[in-house]
PDB file of N, CA and C in Angstrom:
ATOM      1  N   MET A   1     118.847 100.866 134.634  1.00  0.00           N
ATOM      2  CA  MET A   1     117.913  99.886 134.114  1.00  0.00           C
ATOM      3  C   MET A   1     116.561 100.531 133.805  1.00  0.00           C
ATOM      4  N   ARG A   2     116.082 101.365 134.727  1.00  0.00           N
ATOM      5  CA  ARG A   2     114.785 102.009 134.548  1.00  0.00           C
ATOM      6  C   ARG A   2     114.815 102.938 133.332  1.00  0.00           C
ATOM      7  N   LYS A   3     115.939 103.626 133.144  1.00  0.00           N
ATOM      8  CA  LYS A   3     116.064 104.536 132.000  1.00  0.00           C
ATOM      9  C   LYS A   3     116.037 103.755 130.684  1.00  0.00           C
ATOM     10  N   ALA A   4     116.648 102.590 130.656  1.00  0.00           N
ATOM     11  CA  ALA A   4     116.666 101.759 129.450  1.00  0.00           C
ATOM     12  C   ALA A   4     115.252 101.282 129.108  1.00  0.00           C
ATOM     13  N   VAL A   5     114.504 100.843 130.099  1.00  0.00           N
ATOM     14  CA  VAL A   5     113.138 100.385 129.874  1.00  0.00           C
ATOM     15  C   VAL A   5     112.269 101.542 129.390  1.00  0.00           C
ATOM     16  N   THR A   6     112.443 102.708 129.989  1.00  0.00           N
ATOM     17  CA  THR A   6     111.689 103.887 129.567  1.00  0.00           C
ATOM     18  C   THR A   6     112.019 104.254 128.131  1.00  0.00           C
ATOM     19  N   SER A   7     113.281 104.196 127.768  1.00  0.00           N
ATOM     20  CA  SER A   7     113.697 104.511 126.395  1.00  0.00           C
ATOM     21  C   SER A   7     113.121 103.511 125.395  1.00  0.00           C
ATOM     22  N   ILE A   8     113.127 102.241 125.741  1.00  0.00           N
ATOM     23  CA  ILE A   8     112.576 101.206 124.853  1.00  0.00           C
ATOM     24  C   ILE A   8     111.072 101.406 124.672  1.00  0.00           C
ATOM     25  N   LEU A   9     110.353 101.667 125.751  1.00  0.00           N
ATOM     26  CA  LEU A   9     108.911 101.900 125.653  1.00  0.00           C
ATOM     27  C   LEU A   9     108.603 103.147 124.829  1.00  0.00           C
ATOM     28  N   PHE A  10     109.407 104.183 124.988  1.00  0.00           N
ATOM     29  CA  PHE A  10     109.218 105.399 124.199  1.00  0.00           C
ATOM     30  C   PHE A  10     109.444 105.121 122.716  1.00  0.00           C
ATOM     31  N   ALA A  11     110.498 104.370 122.394  1.00  0.00           N
ATOM     32  CA  ALA A  11     110.785 104.034 120.993  1.00  0.00           C
ATOM     33  C   ALA A  11     109.669 103.178 120.398  1.00  0.00           C
ATOM     34  N   LEU A  12     109.163 102.215 121.153  1.00  0.00           N
ATOM     35  CA  LEU A  12     108.043 101.391 120.687  1.00  0.00           C
ATOM     36  C   LEU A  12     106.792 102.234 120.450  1.00  0.00           C
ATOM     37  N   SER A  13     106.541 103.172 121.343  1.00  0.00           N
ATOM     38  CA  SER A  13     105.385 104.060 121.180  1.00  0.00           C
ATOM     39  C   SER A  13     105.510 104.903 119.919  1.00  0.00           C
ATOM     40  N   LEU A  14     106.697 105.409 119.650  1.00  0.00           N
ATOM     41  CA  LEU A  14     106.931 106.181 118.430  1.00  0.00           C
ATOM     42  C   LEU A  14     106.721 105.315 117.187  1.00  0.00           C
ATOM     43  N   GLY A  15     107.201 104.083 117.234  1.00  0.00           N
ATOM     44  CA  GLY A  15     107.032 103.167 116.105  1.00  0.00           C
ATOM     45  C   GLY A  15     105.572 102.863 115.829  1.00  0.00           C
ATOM     46  N   VAL A  16     104.819 102.569 116.871  1.00  0.00           N
ATOM     47  CA  VAL A  16     103.388 102.278 116.707  1.00  0.00           C
ATOM     48  C   VAL A  16     102.667 103.510 116.166  1.00  0.00           C
ATOM     49  N   ALA A  17     102.994 104.690 116.679  1.00  0.00           N
ATOM     50  CA  ALA A  17     102.360 105.915 116.202  1.00  0.00           C
ATOM     51  C   ALA A  17     102.693 106.170 114.736  1.00  0.00           C
ATOM     52  N   PHE A  18     103.952 105.984 114.355  1.00  0.00           N
ATOM     53  CA  PHE A  18     104.367 106.229 112.976  1.00  0.00           C
ATOM     54  C   PHE A  18     103.677 105.267 112.014  1.00  0.00           C
ATOM     55  N   PHE A  19     103.741 103.969 112.297  1.00  0.00           N
ATOM     56  CA  PHE A  19     103.137 102.996 111.396  1.00  0.00           C
ATOM     57  C   PHE A  19     101.611 103.090 111.389  1.00  0.00           C
ATOM     58  N   GLY A  20     101.017 103.418 112.522  1.00  0.00           N
ATOM     59  CA  GLY A  20      99.573 103.625 112.561  1.00  0.00           C
ATOM     60  C   GLY A  20      99.157 104.795 111.693  1.00  0.00           C
ATOM     61  N   TYR A  21      99.898 105.891 111.775  1.00  0.00           N
ATOM     62  CA  TYR A  21      99.610 107.050 110.932  1.00  0.00           C
ATOM     63  C   TYR A  21      99.793 106.709 109.460  1.00  0.00           C
ATOM     64  N   LYS A  22     100.889 106.042 109.150  1.00  0.00           N
ATOM     65  CA  LYS A  22     101.179 105.671 107.762  1.00  0.00           C
ATOM     66  C   LYS A  22     100.091 104.758 107.202  1.00  0.00           C
ATOM     67  N   ASN A  23      99.643 103.784 107.972  1.00  0.00           N
ATOM     68  CA  ASN A  23      98.615 102.844 107.522  1.00  0.00           C
ATOM     69  C   ASN A  23      97.259 103.510 107.337  1.00  0.00           C
ATOM     70  N   SER A  24      96.981 104.558 108.084  1.00  0.00           N
ATOM     71  CA  SER A  24      95.655 105.177 108.024  1.00  0.00           C
ATOM     72  C   SER A  24      95.506 106.174 106.878  1.00  0.00           C
ATOM     73  N   GLN A  25      96.577 106.472 106.173  1.00  0.00           N
ATOM     74  CA  GLN A  25      96.513 107.434 105.080  1.00  0.00           C
ATOM     75  C   GLN A  25      95.992 106.780 103.802  1.00  0.00           C
ATOM     76  N   PRO A  26      95.174 107.521 103.016  1.00  0.00           N
ATOM     77  CA  PRO A  26      94.693 106.977 101.738  1.00  0.00           C
ATOM     78  C   PRO A  26      95.872 106.604 100.838  1.00  0.00           C
ATOM     79  N   ASN A  27      95.690 105.532 100.084  1.00  0.00           N
ATOM     80  CA  ASN A  27      96.774 105.012  99.262  1.00  0.00           C
ATOM     81  C   ASN A  27      96.209 104.617  97.900  1.00  0.00           C
ATOM     82  N   ASP A  28      96.670 105.301  96.843  1.00  0.00           N
ATOM     83  CA  ASP A  28      96.160 105.023  95.495  1.00  0.00           C
ATOM     84  C   ASP A  28      96.499 103.614  95.022  1.00  0.00           C
ATOM     85  N   GLU A  29      97.664 103.096  95.420  1.00  0.00           N
ATOM     86  CA  GLU A  29      98.052 101.736  95.024  1.00  0.00           C
ATOM     87  C   GLU A  29      97.081 100.706  95.610  1.00  0.00           C
ATOM     88  N   LEU A  30      96.714 100.885  96.876  1.00  0.00           N
ATOM     89  CA  LEU A  30      95.757  99.962  97.506  1.00  0.00           C
ATOM     90  C   LEU A  30      94.378 100.092  96.878  1.00  0.00           C
ATOM     91  N   LEU A  31      94.012 101.299  96.476  1.00  0.00           N
ATOM     92  CA  LEU A  31      92.733 101.506  95.811  1.00  0.00           C
ATOM     93  C   LEU A  31      92.667 100.693  94.520  1.00  0.00           C
ATOM     94  N   LEU A  32      93.725 100.747  93.713  1.00  0.00           N
ATOM     95  CA  LEU A  32      93.764  99.979  92.471  1.00  0.00           C
ATOM     96  C   LEU A  32      93.812  98.479  92.734  1.00  0.00           C
ATOM     97  N   ARG A  33      94.592  98.079  93.747  1.00  0.00           N
ATOM     98  CA  ARG A  33      94.679  96.651  94.080  1.00  0.00           C
ATOM     99  C   ARG A  33      93.326  96.119  94.559  1.00  0.00           C
ATOM    100  N   SER A  34      92.613  96.929  95.345  1.00  0.00           N
ATOM    101  CA  SER A  34      91.303  96.492  95.833  1.00  0.00           C
ATOM    102  C   SER A  34      90.300  96.396  94.687  1.00  0.00           C
ATOM    103  N   LYS A  35      90.407  97.290  93.714  1.00  0.00           N
ATOM    104  CA  LYS A  35      89.509  97.237  92.556  1.00  0.00           C
ATOM    105  C   LYS A  35      89.727  95.944  91.778  1.00  0.00           C
ATOM    106  N   THR A  36      91.001  95.534  91.651  1.00  0.00           N
ATOM    107  CA  THR A  36      91.320  94.287  90.962  1.00  0.00           C
ATOM    108  C   THR A  36      90.776  93.083  91.728  1.00  0.00           C
ATOM    109  N   LYS A  37      90.860  93.129  93.045  1.00  0.00           N
ATOM    110  CA  LYS A  37      90.398  92.008  93.879  1.00  0.00           C
ATOM    111  C   LYS A  37      88.879  91.933  94.011  1.00  0.00           C
ATOM    112  N   ALA A  38      88.172  93.018  93.686  1.00  0.00           N
ATOM    113  CA  ALA A  38      86.718  93.040  93.870  1.00  0.00           C
ATOM    114  C   ALA A  38      86.034  91.918  93.099  1.00  0.00           C
ATOM    115  N   CYS A  39      86.488  91.632  91.894  1.00  0.00           N
ATOM    116  CA  CYS A  39      85.890  90.546  91.107  1.00  0.00           C
ATOM    117  C   CYS A  39      86.775  89.309  91.083  1.00  0.00           C
ATOM    118  N   GLY A  40      88.072  89.496  91.229  1.00  0.00           N
ATOM    119  CA  GLY A  40      88.975  88.358  91.172  1.00  0.00           C
ATOM    120  C   GLY A  40      88.864  87.656  89.843  1.00  0.00           C
ATOM    121  N   SER A  41      88.615  86.366  89.859  1.00  0.00           N
ATOM    122  CA  SER A  41      88.518  85.582  88.625  1.00  0.00           C
ATOM    123  C   SER A  41      87.088  85.112  88.360  1.00  0.00           C
ATOM    124  N   VAL A  42      86.094  85.800  88.925  1.00  0.00           N
ATOM    125  CA  VAL A  42      84.694  85.423  88.733  1.00  0.00           C
ATOM    126  C   VAL A  42      84.280  85.769  87.304  1.00  0.00           C
ATOM    127  N   ASP A  43      83.729  84.786  86.598  1.00  0.00           N
ATOM    128  CA  ASP A  43      83.294  85.000  85.210  1.00  0.00           C
ATOM    129  C   ASP A  43      82.148  85.992  85.154  1.00  0.00           C
ATOM    130  N   GLY A  44      82.222  86.924  84.207  1.00  0.00           N
ATOM    131  CA  GLY A  44      81.150  87.877  83.989  1.00  0.00           C
ATOM    132  C   GLY A  44      81.072  88.994  85.000  1.00  0.00           C
ATOM    133  N   CYS A  45      82.039  89.101  85.869  1.00  0.00           N
ATOM    134  CA  CYS A  45      82.041  90.147  86.892  1.00  0.00           C
ATOM    135  C   CYS A  45      82.909  91.314  86.424  1.00  0.00           C
ATOM    136  N   GLN A  46      82.359  92.502  86.521  1.00  0.00           N
ATOM    137  CA  GLN A  46      83.103  93.716  86.191  1.00  0.00           C
ATOM    138  C   GLN A  46      82.823  94.769  87.247  1.00  0.00           C
ATOM    139  N   VAL A  47      83.852  95.538  87.587  1.00  0.00           N
ATOM    140  CA  VAL A  47      83.699  96.624  88.547  1.00  0.00           C
ATOM    141  C   VAL A  47      83.074  97.809  87.824  1.00  0.00           C
ATOM    142  N   GLU A  48      82.059  98.385  88.447  1.00  0.00           N
ATOM    143  CA  GLU A  48      81.378  99.539  87.871  1.00  0.00           C
ATOM    144  C   GLU A  48      81.924 100.815  88.509  1.00  0.00           C
ATOM    145  N   GLY A  49      82.543 101.669  87.718  1.00  0.00           N
ATOM    146  CA  GLY A  49      83.062 102.936  88.217  1.00  0.00           C
ATOM    147  C   GLY A  49      84.532 102.863  88.579  1.00  0.00           C
ATOM    148  N   ASP A  50      85.101 104.048  88.764  1.00  0.00           N
ATOM    149  CA  ASP A  50      86.526 104.152  89.088  1.00  0.00           C
ATOM    150  C   ASP A  50      86.792 104.308  90.580  1.00  0.00           C
ATOM    151  N   MET A  51      85.762 104.651  91.341  1.00  0.00           N
ATOM    152  CA  MET A  51      85.933 104.858  92.777  1.00  0.00           C
ATOM    153  C   MET A  51      84.954 103.966  93.539  1.00  0.00           C
ATOM    154  N   PRO A  52      85.367 103.464  94.706  1.00  0.00           N
ATOM    155  CA  PRO A  52      84.450 102.661  95.524  1.00  0.00           C
ATOM    156  C   PRO A  52      83.351 103.551  96.096  1.00  0.00           C
ATOM    157  N   HIS A  53      82.194 102.957  96.388  1.00  0.00           N
ATOM    158  CA  HIS A  53      81.127 103.762  96.988  1.00  0.00           C
ATOM    159  C   HIS A  53      81.324 103.925  98.485  1.00  0.00           C
ATOM    160  N   THR A  54      82.170 103.104  99.090  1.00  0.00           N
ATOM    161  CA  THR A  54      82.527 103.262 100.495  1.00  0.00           C
ATOM    162  C   THR A  54      84.026 103.037 100.643  1.00  0.00           C
ATOM    163  N   ARG A  55      84.652 103.911 101.431  1.00  0.00           N
ATOM    164  CA  ARG A  55      86.104 103.823 101.640  1.00  0.00           C
ATOM    165  C   ARG A  55      86.393 104.140 103.095  1.00  0.00           C
ATOM    166  N   ARG A  56      87.032 103.191 103.803  1.00  0.00           N
ATOM    167  CA  ARG A  56      87.371 103.374 105.220  1.00  0.00           C
ATOM    168  C   ARG A  56      88.858 103.084 105.420  1.00  0.00           C
ATOM    169  N   THR A  57      89.503 103.915 106.211  1.00  0.00           N
ATOM    170  CA  THR A  57      90.897 103.654 106.549  1.00  0.00           C
ATOM    171  C   THR A  57      91.039 103.682 108.068  1.00  0.00           C
ATOM    172  N   SER A  58      91.942 102.864 108.563  1.00  0.00           N
ATOM    173  CA  SER A  58      92.257 102.866 109.992  1.00  0.00           C
ATOM    174  C   SER A  58      93.715 102.463 110.143  1.00  0.00           C
ATOM    175  N   ILE A  59      94.193 102.438 111.362  1.00  0.00           N
ATOM    176  CA  ILE A  59      95.585 102.043 111.575  1.00  0.00           C
ATOM    177  C   ILE A  59      95.797 100.568 111.274  1.00  0.00           C
ATOM    178  N   PHE A  60      94.717  99.796 111.226  1.00  0.00           N
ATOM    179  CA  PHE A  60      94.824  98.362 110.995  1.00  0.00           C
ATOM    180  C   PHE A  60      94.631  97.965 109.539  1.00  0.00           C
ATOM    181  N   GLY A  61      94.212  98.891 108.673  1.00  0.00           N
ATOM    182  CA  GLY A  61      94.034  98.559 107.271  1.00  0.00           C
ATOM    183  C   GLY A  61      93.014  99.441 106.586  1.00  0.00           C
ATOM    184  N   HIS A  62      92.639  99.046 105.376  1.00  0.00           N
ATOM    185  CA  HIS A  62      91.695  99.793 104.554  1.00  0.00           C
ATOM    186  C   HIS A  62      90.567  98.871 104.130  1.00  0.00           C
ATOM    187  N   GLU A  63      89.363  99.430 104.011  1.00  0.00           N
ATOM    188  CA  GLU A  63      88.217  98.678 103.504  1.00  0.00           C
ATOM    189  C   GLU A  63      87.569  99.492 102.400  1.00  0.00           C
ATOM    190  N   TYR A  64      87.224  98.810 101.323  1.00  0.00           N
ATOM    191  CA  TYR A  64      86.567  99.439 100.181  1.00  0.00           C
ATOM    192  C   TYR A  64      85.343  98.609  99.827  1.00  0.00           C
ATOM    193  N   GLU A  65      84.287  99.270  99.371  1.00  0.00           N
ATOM    194  CA  GLU A  65      83.118  98.566  98.850  1.00  0.00           C
ATOM    195  C   GLU A  65      82.912  99.031  97.419  1.00  0.00           C
ATOM    196  N   TRP A  66      82.950  98.069  96.511  1.00  0.00           N
ATOM    197  CA  TRP A  66      82.826  98.333  95.083  1.00  0.00           C
ATOM    198  C   TRP A  66      81.497  97.826  94.574  1.00  0.00           C
ATOM    199  N   ASN A  67      80.894  98.562  93.650  1.00  0.00           N
ATOM    200  CA  ASN A  67      79.720  98.075  92.924  1.00  0.00           C
ATOM    201  C   ASN A  67      80.224  97.271  91.740  1.00  0.00           C
ATOM    202  N   THR A  68      79.763  96.048  91.623  1.00  0.00           N
ATOM    203  CA  THR A  68      80.140  95.188  90.507  1.00  0.00           C
ATOM    204  C   THR A  68      78.871  94.676  89.829  1.00  0.00           C
ATOM    205  N   THR A  69      79.049  94.035  88.703  1.00  0.00           N
ATOM    206  CA  THR A  69      77.895  93.451  88.008  1.00  0.00           C
ATOM    207  C   THR A  69      77.307  92.284  88.795  1.00  0.00           C
ATOM    208  N   LYS A  70      78.026  91.767  89.784  1.00  0.00           N
ATOM    209  CA  LYS A  70      77.542  90.667  90.630  1.00  0.00           C
ATOM    210  C   LYS A  70      77.029  91.162  91.980  1.00  0.00           C
ATOM    211  N   GLY A  71      76.995  92.487  92.181  1.00  0.00           N
ATOM    212  CA  GLY A  71      76.534  93.051  93.447  1.00  0.00           C
ATOM    213  C   GLY A  71      77.633  93.832  94.139  1.00  0.00           C
ATOM    214  N   SER A  72      77.346  94.256  95.351  1.00  0.00           N
ATOM    215  CA  SER A  72      78.309  95.021  96.142  1.00  0.00           C
ATOM    216  C   SER A  72      79.336  94.069  96.747  1.00  0.00           C
ATOM    217  N   VAL A  73      80.607  94.420  96.609  1.00  0.00           N
ATOM    218  CA  VAL A  73      81.684  93.574  97.124  1.00  0.00           C
ATOM    219  C   VAL A  73      82.575  94.403  98.040  1.00  0.00           C
ATOM    220  N   LYS A  74      82.828  93.866  99.213  1.00  0.00           N
ATOM    221  CA  LYS A  74      83.714  94.505 100.177  1.00  0.00           C
ATOM    222  C   LYS A  74      85.105  93.921 100.021  1.00  0.00           C
ATOM    223  N   VAL A  75      86.118  94.795  99.973  1.00  0.00           N
ATOM    224  CA  VAL A  75      87.509  94.362  99.874  1.00  0.00           C
ATOM    225  C   VAL A  75      88.256  94.930 101.079  1.00  0.00           C
ATOM    226  N   ALA A  76      88.892  94.062 101.831  1.00  0.00           N
ATOM    227  CA  ALA A  76      89.676  94.472 102.997  1.00  0.00           C
ATOM    228  C   ALA A  76      91.157  94.302 102.691  1.00  0.00           C
ATOM    229  N   CYS A  77      91.928  95.356 102.932  1.00  0.00           N
ATOM    230  CA  CYS A  77      93.383  95.324 102.740  1.00  0.00           C
ATOM    231  C   CYS A  77      94.044  95.567 104.091  1.00  0.00           C
ATOM    232  N   LYS A  78      94.855  94.600 104.504  1.00  0.00           N
ATOM    233  CA  LYS A  78      95.507  94.690 105.817  1.00  0.00           C
ATOM    234  C   LYS A  78      96.986  94.386 105.675  1.00  0.00           C
ATOM    235  N   PRO A  79      97.813  94.960 106.565  1.00  0.00           N
ATOM    236  CA  PRO A  79      99.237  94.629 106.535  1.00  0.00           C
ATOM    237  C   PRO A  79      99.466  93.162 106.878  1.00  0.00           C
ATOM    238  N   GLU A  80     100.553  92.600 106.316  1.00  0.00           N
ATOM    239  CA  GLU A  80     100.889  91.190 106.579  1.00  0.00           C
ATOM    240  C   GLU A  80     101.011  90.904 108.065  1.00  0.00           C
ATOM    241  N   PHE A  81     101.696  91.786 108.770  1.00  0.00           N
ATOM    242  CA  PHE A  81     101.883  91.644 110.206  1.00  0.00           C
ATOM    243  C   PHE A  81     101.076  92.726 110.895  1.00  0.00           C
ATOM    244  N   PHE A  82     101.079  92.785 112.190  1.00  0.00           N
ATOM    245  CA  PHE A  82     100.208  93.679 112.963  1.00  0.00           C
ATOM    246  C   PHE A  82     100.089  95.079 112.356  1.00  0.00           C
ATOM    247  N   LEU A  83     101.153  95.831 112.252  1.00  0.00           N
ATOM    248  CA  LEU A  83     101.120  97.168 111.668  1.00  0.00           C
ATOM    249  C   LEU A  83     102.087  97.342 110.510  1.00  0.00           C
ATOM    250  N   VAL A  84     102.876  96.341 110.210  1.00  0.00           N
ATOM    251  CA  VAL A  84     103.910  96.477 109.182  1.00  0.00           C
ATOM    252  C   VAL A  84     103.800  95.361 108.153  1.00  0.00           C
ATOM    253  N   GLY A  85     104.468  95.575 107.044  1.00  0.00           N
ATOM    254  CA  GLY A  85     104.504  94.578 105.983  1.00  0.00           C
ATOM    255  C   GLY A  85     103.684  95.021 104.789  1.00  0.00           C
ATOM    256  N   ASN A  86     103.778  94.245 103.727  1.00  0.00           N
ATOM    257  CA  ASN A  86     103.000  94.516 102.526  1.00  0.00           C
ATOM    258  C   ASN A  86     101.521  94.293 102.817  1.00  0.00           C
ATOM    259  N   PHE A  87     100.692  95.106 102.205  1.00  0.00           N
ATOM    260  CA  PHE A  87      99.256  94.954 102.386  1.00  0.00           C
ATOM    261  C   PHE A  87      98.745  93.783 101.553  1.00  0.00           C
ATOM    262  N   ILE A  88      97.842  93.016 102.137  1.00  0.00           N
ATOM    263  CA  ILE A  88      97.196  91.896 101.459  1.00  0.00           C
ATOM    264  C   ILE A  88      95.706  92.229 101.364  1.00  0.00           C
ATOM    265  N   CYS A  89      95.173  92.178 100.151  1.00  0.00           N
ATOM    266  CA  CYS A  89      93.761  92.491  99.925  1.00  0.00           C
ATOM    267  C   CYS A  89      92.978  91.213  99.667  1.00  0.00           C
ATOM    268  N   GLU A  90      91.808  91.114 100.291  1.00  0.00           N
ATOM    269  CA  GLU A  90      90.916  89.971 100.100  1.00  0.00           C
ATOM    270  C   GLU A  90      89.507  90.493  99.881  1.00  0.00           C
ATOM    271  N   SER A  91      88.809  89.896  98.933  1.00  0.00           N
ATOM    272  CA  SER A  91      87.436  90.331  98.674  1.00  0.00           C
ATOM    273  C   SER A  91      86.450  89.453  99.431  1.00  0.00           C
ATOM    274  N   VAL A  92      85.411  90.103  99.924  1.00  0.00           N
ATOM    275  CA  VAL A  92      84.333  89.422 100.632  1.00  0.00           C
ATOM    276  C   VAL A  92      83.038  90.030 100.149  1.00  0.00           C
ATOM    277  N   ASN A  93      82.084  89.210  99.779  1.00  0.00           N
ATOM    278  CA  ASN A  93      80.796  89.737  99.329  1.00  0.00           C
ATOM    279  C   ASN A  93      80.131  90.463 100.493  1.00  0.00           C
ATOM    280  N   ALA A  94      79.917  91.750 100.348  1.00  0.00           N
ATOM    281  CA  ALA A  94      79.388  92.576 101.442  1.00  0.00           C
ATOM    282  C   ALA A  94      77.994  92.150 101.868  1.00  0.00           C
ATOM    283  N   ALA A  95      77.198  91.676 100.951  1.00  0.00           N
ATOM    284  CA  ALA A  95      75.824  91.323 101.296  1.00  0.00           C
ATOM    285  C   ALA A  95      75.725  89.965 101.970  1.00  0.00           C
ATOM    286  N   ALA A  96      76.411  88.947 101.421  1.00  0.00           N
ATOM    287  CA  ALA A  96      76.240  87.594 101.925  1.00  0.00           C
ATOM    288  C   ALA A  96      77.350  87.148 102.865  1.00  0.00           C
ATOM    289  N   GLY A  97      78.481  87.897 102.906  1.00  0.00           N
ATOM    290  CA  GLY A  97      79.574  87.496 103.761  1.00  0.00           C
ATOM    291  C   GLY A  97      80.349  86.313 103.229  1.00  0.00           C
ATOM    292  N   THR A  98      80.272  86.060 101.912  1.00  0.00           N
ATOM    293  CA  THR A  98      81.006  84.955 101.322  1.00  0.00           C
ATOM    294  C   THR A  98      82.023  85.487 100.341  1.00  0.00           C
ATOM    295  N   ASP A  99      82.996  84.687 100.048  1.00  0.00           N
ATOM    296  CA  ASP A  99      84.055  85.076  99.124  1.00  0.00           C
ATOM    297  C   ASP A  99      83.618  84.758  97.697  1.00  0.00           C
ATOM    298  N   PRO A 100      83.407  85.781  96.828  1.00  0.00           N
ATOM    299  CA  PRO A 100      82.934  85.514  95.478  1.00  0.00           C
ATOM    300  C   PRO A 100      83.978  84.900  94.573  1.00  0.00           C
ATOM    301  N   VAL A 101      85.247  84.888  95.004  1.00  0.00           N
ATOM    302  CA  VAL A 101      86.317  84.381  94.160  1.00  0.00           C
ATOM    303  C   VAL A 101      86.417  82.866  94.227  1.00  0.00           C
ATOM    304  N   SER A 102      86.010  82.268  95.338  1.00  0.00           N
ATOM    305  CA  SER A 102      86.170  80.819  95.506  1.00  0.00           C
ATOM    306  C   SER A 102      85.232  80.003  94.653  1.00  0.00           C
TER     307      SER A 102
END
């Protein structure tokens, strides 16, 4: 019984380490998706430049800050579930803390 519990904990640890490493790596697809989400459907908003001025990655997701014609916008991309699943990106106005898309 003890060996089974040890094996399960070891396998879980390997899974968390693998997905954490995978999530923390830069991802060009997420970069493009975050650029699209920076303005969303806001009229007259355009992203300035091809690269964000701030880029952060961690095991829990990615954060980008884009310069737009409406100001600086923070976009957070996180996995659907704790460490796994498709990434979901949401834009938040970095200065005011409000969602510019709504």
